[in-house]
Amino acid sequence: MEGEEKMRNIIISAAMSICLPYLQIWEWDGTGDMIAAAGVFFWIVLALLIATGGGHESKTRFHKV
């Protein structure tokens, strides 16, 4: 994984993990639970981005004509 792609994946994971605990489907007991959940979400989203390639254009087989 290239450095630029790695940084991109980390930024996307951080942005999503900060937002996910605020969804209305969750019921948290306190701020500590929200912070812990954000950490878990960060690693899950990062793993999914790495596993799927993050949708990076350079990985496609087809070239634009």
PDB file of N, CA and C in Angstrom:
ATOM      1  N   MET A   1       0.853  -1.183   0.000  1.00  0.00           N
ATOM      2  CA  MET A   1       0.000   0.000   0.000  1.00  0.00           C
ATOM      3  C   MET A   1       0.889   1.233   0.000  1.00  0.00           C
ATOM      4  N   GLU A   2       0.590   2.151  -0.880  1.00  0.00           N
ATOM      5  CA  GLU A   2       1.370   3.373  -0.989  1.00  0.00           C
ATOM      6  C   GLU A   2       1.068   4.307   0.176  1.00  0.00           C
ATOM      7  N   GLY A   3       1.994   5.213   0.452  1.00  0.00           N
ATOM      8  CA  GLY A   3       1.828   6.144   1.561  1.00  0.00           C
ATOM      9  C   GLY A   3       0.625   7.054   1.398  1.00  0.00           C
ATOM     10  N   GLU A   4       0.401   7.521   0.169  1.00  0.00           N
ATOM     11  CA  GLU A   4      -0.724   8.418  -0.083  1.00  0.00           C
ATOM     12  C   GLU A   4      -2.054   7.696   0.108  1.00  0.00           C
ATOM     13  N   GLU A   5      -2.120   6.457  -0.358  1.00  0.00           N
ATOM     14  CA  GLU A   5      -3.347   5.671  -0.207  1.00  0.00           C
ATOM     15  C   GLU A   5      -3.584   5.306   1.259  1.00  0.00           C
ATOM     16  N   LYS A   6      -2.506   5.036   1.984  1.00  0.00           N
ATOM     17  CA  LYS A   6      -2.614   4.702   3.402  1.00  0.00           C
ATOM     18  C   LYS A   6      -3.173   5.892   4.186  1.00  0.00           C
ATOM     19  N   MET A   7      -2.657   7.087   3.897  1.00  0.00           N
ATOM     20  CA  MET A   7      -3.131   8.288   4.584  1.00  0.00           C
ATOM     21  C   MET A   7      -4.592   8.552   4.245  1.00  0.00           C
ATOM     22  N   ARG A   8      -4.962   8.349   2.988  1.00  0.00           N
ATOM     23  CA  ARG A   8      -6.352   8.533   2.555  1.00  0.00           C
ATOM     24  C   ARG A   8      -7.283   7.593   3.320  1.00  0.00           C
ATOM     25  N   ASN A   9      -6.882   6.325   3.449  1.00  0.00           N
ATOM     26  CA  ASN A   9      -7.698   5.350   4.176  1.00  0.00           C
ATOM     27  C   ASN A   9      -7.826   5.710   5.650  1.00  0.00           C
ATOM     28  N   ILE A  10      -6.761   6.200   6.249  1.00  0.00           N
ATOM     29  CA  ILE A  10      -6.790   6.591   7.661  1.00  0.00           C
ATOM     30  C   ILE A  10      -7.723   7.780   7.871  1.00  0.00           C
ATOM     31  N   ILE A  11      -7.668   8.755   6.970  1.00  0.00           N
ATOM     32  CA  ILE A  11      -8.536   9.934   7.099  1.00  0.00           C
ATOM     33  C   ILE A  11     -10.005   9.551   6.932  1.00  0.00           C
ATOM     34  N   ILE A  12     -10.311   8.705   5.953  1.00  0.00           N
ATOM     35  CA  ILE A  12     -11.693   8.259   5.755  1.00  0.00           C
ATOM     36  C   ILE A  12     -12.171   7.485   6.976  1.00  0.00           C
ATOM     37  N   SER A  13     -11.331   6.589   7.501  1.00  0.00           N
ATOM     38  CA  SER A  13     -11.707   5.811   8.684  1.00  0.00           C
ATOM     39  C   SER A  13     -11.955   6.708   9.886  1.00  0.00           C
ATOM     40  N   ALA A  14     -11.106   7.703  10.079  1.00  0.00           N
ATOM     41  CA  ALA A  14     -11.269   8.610  11.216  1.00  0.00           C
ATOM     42  C   ALA A  14     -12.560   9.412  11.092  1.00  0.00           C
ATOM     43  N   ALA A  15     -12.838   9.916   9.898  1.00  0.00           N
ATOM     44  CA  ALA A  15     -14.054  10.713   9.704  1.00  0.00           C
ATOM     45  C   ALA A  15     -15.308   9.871   9.946  1.00  0.00           C
ATOM     46  N   MET A  16     -15.304   8.662   9.439  1.00  0.00           N
ATOM     47  CA  MET A  16     -16.482   7.809   9.630  1.00  0.00           C
ATOM     48  C   MET A  16     -16.626   7.369  11.086  1.00  0.00           C
ATOM     49  N   SER A  17     -15.512   7.050  11.730  1.00  0.00           N
ATOM     50  CA  SER A  17     -15.598   6.561  13.104  1.00  0.00           C
ATOM     51  C   SER A  17     -16.003   7.663  14.083  1.00  0.00           C
ATOM     52  N   ILE A  18     -15.730   8.916  13.757  1.00  0.00           N
ATOM     53  CA  ILE A  18     -16.174  10.019  14.616  1.00  0.00           C
ATOM     54  C   ILE A  18     -17.682  10.208  14.483  1.00  0.00           C
ATOM     55  N   CYS A  19     -18.204  10.006  13.282  1.00  0.00           N
ATOM     56  CA  CYS A  19     -19.637  10.224  13.030  1.00  0.00           C
ATOM     57  C   CYS A  19     -20.521   9.057  13.470  1.00  0.00           C
ATOM     58  N   LEU A  20     -20.047   7.834  13.351  1.00  0.00           N
ATOM     59  CA  LEU A  20     -20.892   6.665  13.612  1.00  0.00           C
ATOM     60  C   LEU A  20     -21.485   6.597  15.025  1.00  0.00           C
ATOM     61  N   PRO A  21     -20.750   6.934  16.078  1.00  0.00           N
ATOM     62  CA  PRO A  21     -21.363   6.845  17.414  1.00  0.00           C
ATOM     63  C   PRO A  21     -22.525   7.810  17.642  1.00  0.00           C
ATOM     64  N   TYR A  22     -22.668   8.830  16.804  1.00  0.00           N
ATOM     65  CA  TYR A  22     -23.744   9.803  16.975  1.00  0.00           C
ATOM     66  C   TYR A  22     -25.042   9.403  16.286  1.00  0.00           C
ATOM     67  N   LEU A  23     -25.060   8.264  15.598  1.00  0.00           N
ATOM     68  CA  LEU A  23     -26.298   7.802  14.971  1.00  0.00           C
ATOM     69  C   LEU A  23     -27.349   7.511  16.038  1.00  0.00           C
ATOM     70  N   GLN A  24     -28.600   7.713  15.688  1.00  0.00           N
ATOM     71  CA  GLN A  24     -29.690   7.564  16.651  1.00  0.00           C
ATOM     72  C   GLN A  24     -29.970   6.114  17.046  1.00  0.00           C
ATOM     73  N   ILE A  25     -29.381   5.142  16.347  1.00  0.00           N
ATOM     74  CA  ILE A  25     -29.640   3.735  16.673  1.00  0.00           C
ATOM     75  C   ILE A  25     -28.863   3.266  17.902  1.00  0.00           C
ATOM     76  N   TRP A  26     -27.882   4.023  18.344  1.00  0.00           N
ATOM     77  CA  TRP A  26     -27.063   3.640  19.482  1.00  0.00           C
ATOM     78  C   TRP A  26     -27.589   4.280  20.766  1.00  0.00           C
ATOM     79  N   GLU A  27     -27.431   3.582  21.869  1.00  0.00           N
ATOM     80  CA  GLU A  27     -27.725   4.128  23.203  1.00  0.00           C
ATOM     81  C   GLU A  27     -26.484   3.920  24.060  1.00  0.00           C
ATOM     82  N   TRP A  28     -25.786   5.002  24.377  1.00  0.00           N
ATOM     83  CA  TRP A  28     -24.552   4.928  25.126  1.00  0.00           C
ATOM     84  C   TRP A  28     -24.793   5.333  26.576  1.00  0.00           C
ATOM     85  N   ASP A  29     -24.009   4.772  27.493  1.00  0.00           N
ATOM     86  CA  ASP A  29     -24.111   5.117  28.910  1.00  0.00           C
ATOM     87  C   ASP A  29     -23.319   6.368  29.249  1.00  0.00           C
ATOM     88  N   GLY A  30     -22.359   6.713  28.421  1.00  0.00           N
ATOM     89  CA  GLY A  30     -21.557   7.898  28.692  1.00  0.00           C
ATOM     90  C   GLY A  30     -20.594   8.192  27.566  1.00  0.00           C
ATOM     91  N   THR A  31     -19.787   9.205  27.787  1.00  0.00           N
ATOM     92  CA  THR A  31     -18.829   9.640  26.774  1.00  0.00           C
ATOM     93  C   THR A  31     -17.744   8.599  26.543  1.00  0.00           C
ATOM     94  N   GLY A  32     -17.346   7.924  27.585  1.00  0.00           N
ATOM     95  CA  GLY A  32     -16.306   6.895  27.449  1.00  0.00           C
ATOM     96  C   GLY A  32     -16.728   5.774  26.512  1.00  0.00           C
ATOM     97  N   ASP A  33     -17.986   5.390  26.588  1.00  0.00           N
ATOM     98  CA  ASP A  33     -18.497   4.353  25.687  1.00  0.00           C
ATOM     99  C   ASP A  33     -18.467   4.826  24.233  1.00  0.00           C
ATOM    100  N   MET A  34     -18.797   6.092  24.009  1.00  0.00           N
ATOM    101  CA  MET A  34     -18.778   6.633  22.649  1.00  0.00           C
ATOM    102  C   MET A  34     -17.357   6.677  22.091  1.00  0.00           C
ATOM    103  N   ILE A  35     -16.405   7.038  22.921  1.00  0.00           N
ATOM    104  CA  ILE A  35     -15.014   7.101  22.486  1.00  0.00           C
ATOM    105  C   ILE A  35     -14.492   5.697  22.177  1.00  0.00           C
ATOM    106  N   ALA A  36     -14.829   4.730  23.033  1.00  0.00           N
ATOM    107  CA  ALA A  36     -14.408   3.344  22.790  1.00  0.00           C
ATOM    108  C   ALA A  36     -15.037   2.807  21.507  1.00  0.00           C
ATOM    109  N   ALA A  37     -16.305   3.112  21.280  1.00  0.00           N
ATOM    110  CA  ALA A  37     -16.981   2.669  20.065  1.00  0.00           C
ATOM    111  C   ALA A  37     -16.349   3.307  18.834  1.00  0.00           C
ATOM    112  N   ALA A  38     -15.964   4.581  18.923  1.00  0.00           N
ATOM    113  CA  ALA A  38     -15.313   5.250  17.800  1.00  0.00           C
ATOM    114  C   ALA A  38     -13.995   4.557  17.463  1.00  0.00           C
ATOM    115  N   GLY A  39     -13.260   4.126  18.470  1.00  0.00           N
ATOM    116  CA  GLY A  39     -12.018   3.387  18.231  1.00  0.00           C
ATOM    117  C   GLY A  39     -12.256   2.059  17.541  1.00  0.00           C
ATOM    118  N   VAL A  40     -13.291   1.364  17.964  1.00  0.00           N
ATOM    119  CA  VAL A  40     -13.637   0.087  17.332  1.00  0.00           C
ATOM    120  C   VAL A  40     -14.087   0.317  15.886  1.00  0.00           C
ATOM    121  N   PHE A  41     -14.935   1.316  15.682  1.00  0.00           N
ATOM    122  CA  PHE A  41     -15.398   1.628  14.330  1.00  0.00           C
ATOM    123  C   PHE A  41     -14.229   2.010  13.420  1.00  0.00           C
ATOM    124  N   PHE A  42     -13.247   2.742  13.972  1.00  0.00           N
ATOM    125  CA  PHE A  42     -12.081   3.136  13.182  1.00  0.00           C
ATOM    126  C   PHE A  42     -11.382   1.918  12.611  1.00  0.00           C
ATOM    127  N   TRP A  43     -11.110   0.921  13.455  1.00  0.00           N
ATOM    128  CA  TRP A  43     -10.389  -0.261  12.989  1.00  0.00           C
ATOM    129  C   TRP A  43     -11.221  -1.098  12.030  1.00  0.00           C
ATOM    130  N   ILE A  44     -12.528  -1.162  12.257  1.00  0.00           N
ATOM    131  CA  ILE A  44     -13.391  -1.917  11.342  1.00  0.00           C
ATOM    132  C   ILE A  44     -13.422  -1.261   9.962  1.00  0.00           C
ATOM    133  N   VAL A  45     -13.630   0.048   9.932  1.00  0.00           N
ATOM    134  CA  VAL A  45     -13.692   0.763   8.653  1.00  0.00           C
ATOM    135  C   VAL A  45     -12.338   0.691   7.943  1.00  0.00           C
ATOM    136  N   LEU A  46     -11.245   0.854   8.672  1.00  0.00           N
ATOM    137  CA  LEU A  46      -9.916   0.777   8.074  1.00  0.00           C
ATOM    138  C   LEU A  46      -9.672  -0.605   7.479  1.00  0.00           C
ATOM    139  N   ALA A  47     -10.053  -1.652   8.193  1.00  0.00           N
ATOM    140  CA  ALA A  47      -9.877  -3.016   7.678  1.00  0.00           C
ATOM    141  C   ALA A  47     -10.704  -3.234   6.416  1.00  0.00           C
ATOM    142  N   LEU A  48     -11.924  -2.713   6.396  1.00  0.00           N
ATOM    143  CA  LEU A  48     -12.762  -2.852   5.204  1.00  0.00           C
ATOM    144  C   LEU A  48     -12.182  -2.085   4.018  1.00  0.00           C
ATOM    145  N   LEU A  49     -11.657  -0.890   4.251  1.00  0.00           N
ATOM    146  CA  LEU A  49     -11.046  -0.116   3.171  1.00  0.00           C
ATOM    147  C   LEU A  49      -9.818  -0.823   2.602  1.00  0.00           C
ATOM    148  N   ILE A  50      -9.016  -1.390   3.470  1.00  0.00           N
ATOM    149  CA  ILE A  50      -7.823  -2.092   3.006  1.00  0.00           C
ATOM    150  C   ILE A  50      -8.207  -3.372   2.265  1.00  0.00           C
ATOM    151  N   ALA A  51      -9.186  -4.092   2.782  1.00  0.00           N
ATOM    152  CA  ALA A  51      -9.603  -5.356   2.163  1.00  0.00           C
ATOM    153  C   ALA A  51     -10.222  -5.154   0.789  1.00  0.00           C
ATOM    154  N   THR A  52     -10.944  -4.061   0.624  1.00  0.00           N
ATOM    155  CA  THR A  52     -11.604  -3.816  -0.664  1.00  0.00           C
ATOM    156  C   THR A  52     -10.764  -2.967  -1.594  1.00  0.00           C
ATOM    157  N   GLY A  53      -9.634  -2.513  -1.167  1.00  0.00           N
ATOM    158  CA  GLY A  53      -8.786  -1.677  -2.001  1.00  0.00           C
ATOM    159  C   GLY A  53      -9.150  -0.218  -1.922  1.00  0.00           C
ATOM    160  N   GLY A  54     -10.174   0.132  -1.204  1.00  0.00           N
ATOM    161  CA  GLY A  54     -10.543   1.527  -1.016  1.00  0.00           C
ATOM    162  C   GLY A  54     -11.122   2.194  -2.235  1.00  0.00           C
ATOM    163  N   GLY A  55     -11.433   1.435  -3.285  1.00  0.00           N
ATOM    164  CA  GLY A  55     -12.014   2.025  -4.478  1.00  0.00           C
ATOM    165  C   GLY A  55     -11.043   2.895  -5.258  1.00  0.00           C
ATOM    166  N   HIS A  56      -9.763   2.634  -5.142  1.00  0.00           N
ATOM    167  CA  HIS A  56      -8.747   3.443  -5.799  1.00  0.00           C
ATOM    168  C   HIS A  56      -8.762   3.176  -7.301  1.00  0.00           C
ATOM    169  N   GLU A  57      -8.728   4.223  -8.116  1.00  0.00           N
ATOM    170  CA  GLU A  57      -8.871   4.099  -9.563  1.00  0.00           C
ATOM    171  C   GLU A  57      -7.712   3.354 -10.226  1.00  0.00           C
ATOM    172  N   SER A  58      -6.527   3.425  -9.683  1.00  0.00           N
ATOM    173  CA  SER A  58      -5.373   2.819 -10.341  1.00  0.00           C
ATOM    174  C   SER A  58      -5.431   1.296 -10.319  1.00  0.00           C
ATOM    175  N   LYS A  59      -6.327   0.714  -9.563  1.00  0.00           N
ATOM    176  CA  LYS A  59      -6.419  -0.734  -9.461  1.00  0.00           C
ATOM    177  C   LYS A  59      -7.369  -1.339 -10.493  1.00  0.00           C
ATOM    178  N   THR A  60      -7.991  -0.528 -11.302  1.00  0.00           N
ATOM    179  CA  THR A  60      -8.910  -1.056 -12.305  1.00  0.00           C
ATOM    180  C   THR A  60      -8.123  -1.588 -13.499  1.00  0.00           C
ATOM    181  N   ARG A  61      -8.690  -2.572 -14.186  1.00  0.00           N
ATOM    182  CA  ARG A  61      -8.025  -3.153 -15.341  1.00  0.00           C
ATOM    183  C   ARG A  61      -8.273  -2.354 -16.609  1.00  0.00           C
ATOM    184  N   PHE A  62      -9.360  -1.627 -16.650  1.00  0.00           N
ATOM    185  CA  PHE A  62      -9.760  -0.965 -17.869  1.00  0.00           C
ATOM    186  C   PHE A  62      -9.263   0.482 -17.878  1.00  0.00           C
ATOM    187  N   HIS A  63      -8.847   0.923 -19.019  1.00  0.00           N
ATOM    188  CA  HIS A  63      -8.337   2.278 -19.173  1.00  0.00           C
ATOM    189  C   HIS A  63      -9.351   3.108 -19.956  1.00  0.00           C
ATOM    190  N   LYS A  64      -9.413   4.370 -19.642  1.00  0.00           N
ATOM    191  CA  LYS A  64     -10.300   5.269 -20.388  1.00  0.00           C
ATOM    192  C   LYS A  64      -9.712   5.526 -21.761  1.00  0.00           C
ATOM    193  N   VAL A  65     -10.565   5.555 -22.741  1.00  0.00           N
ATOM    194  CA  VAL A  65     -10.119   5.761 -24.119  1.00  0.00           C
ATOM    195  C   VAL A  65     -10.383   7.181 -24.539  1.00  0.00           C
TER     196      VAL A  65
END
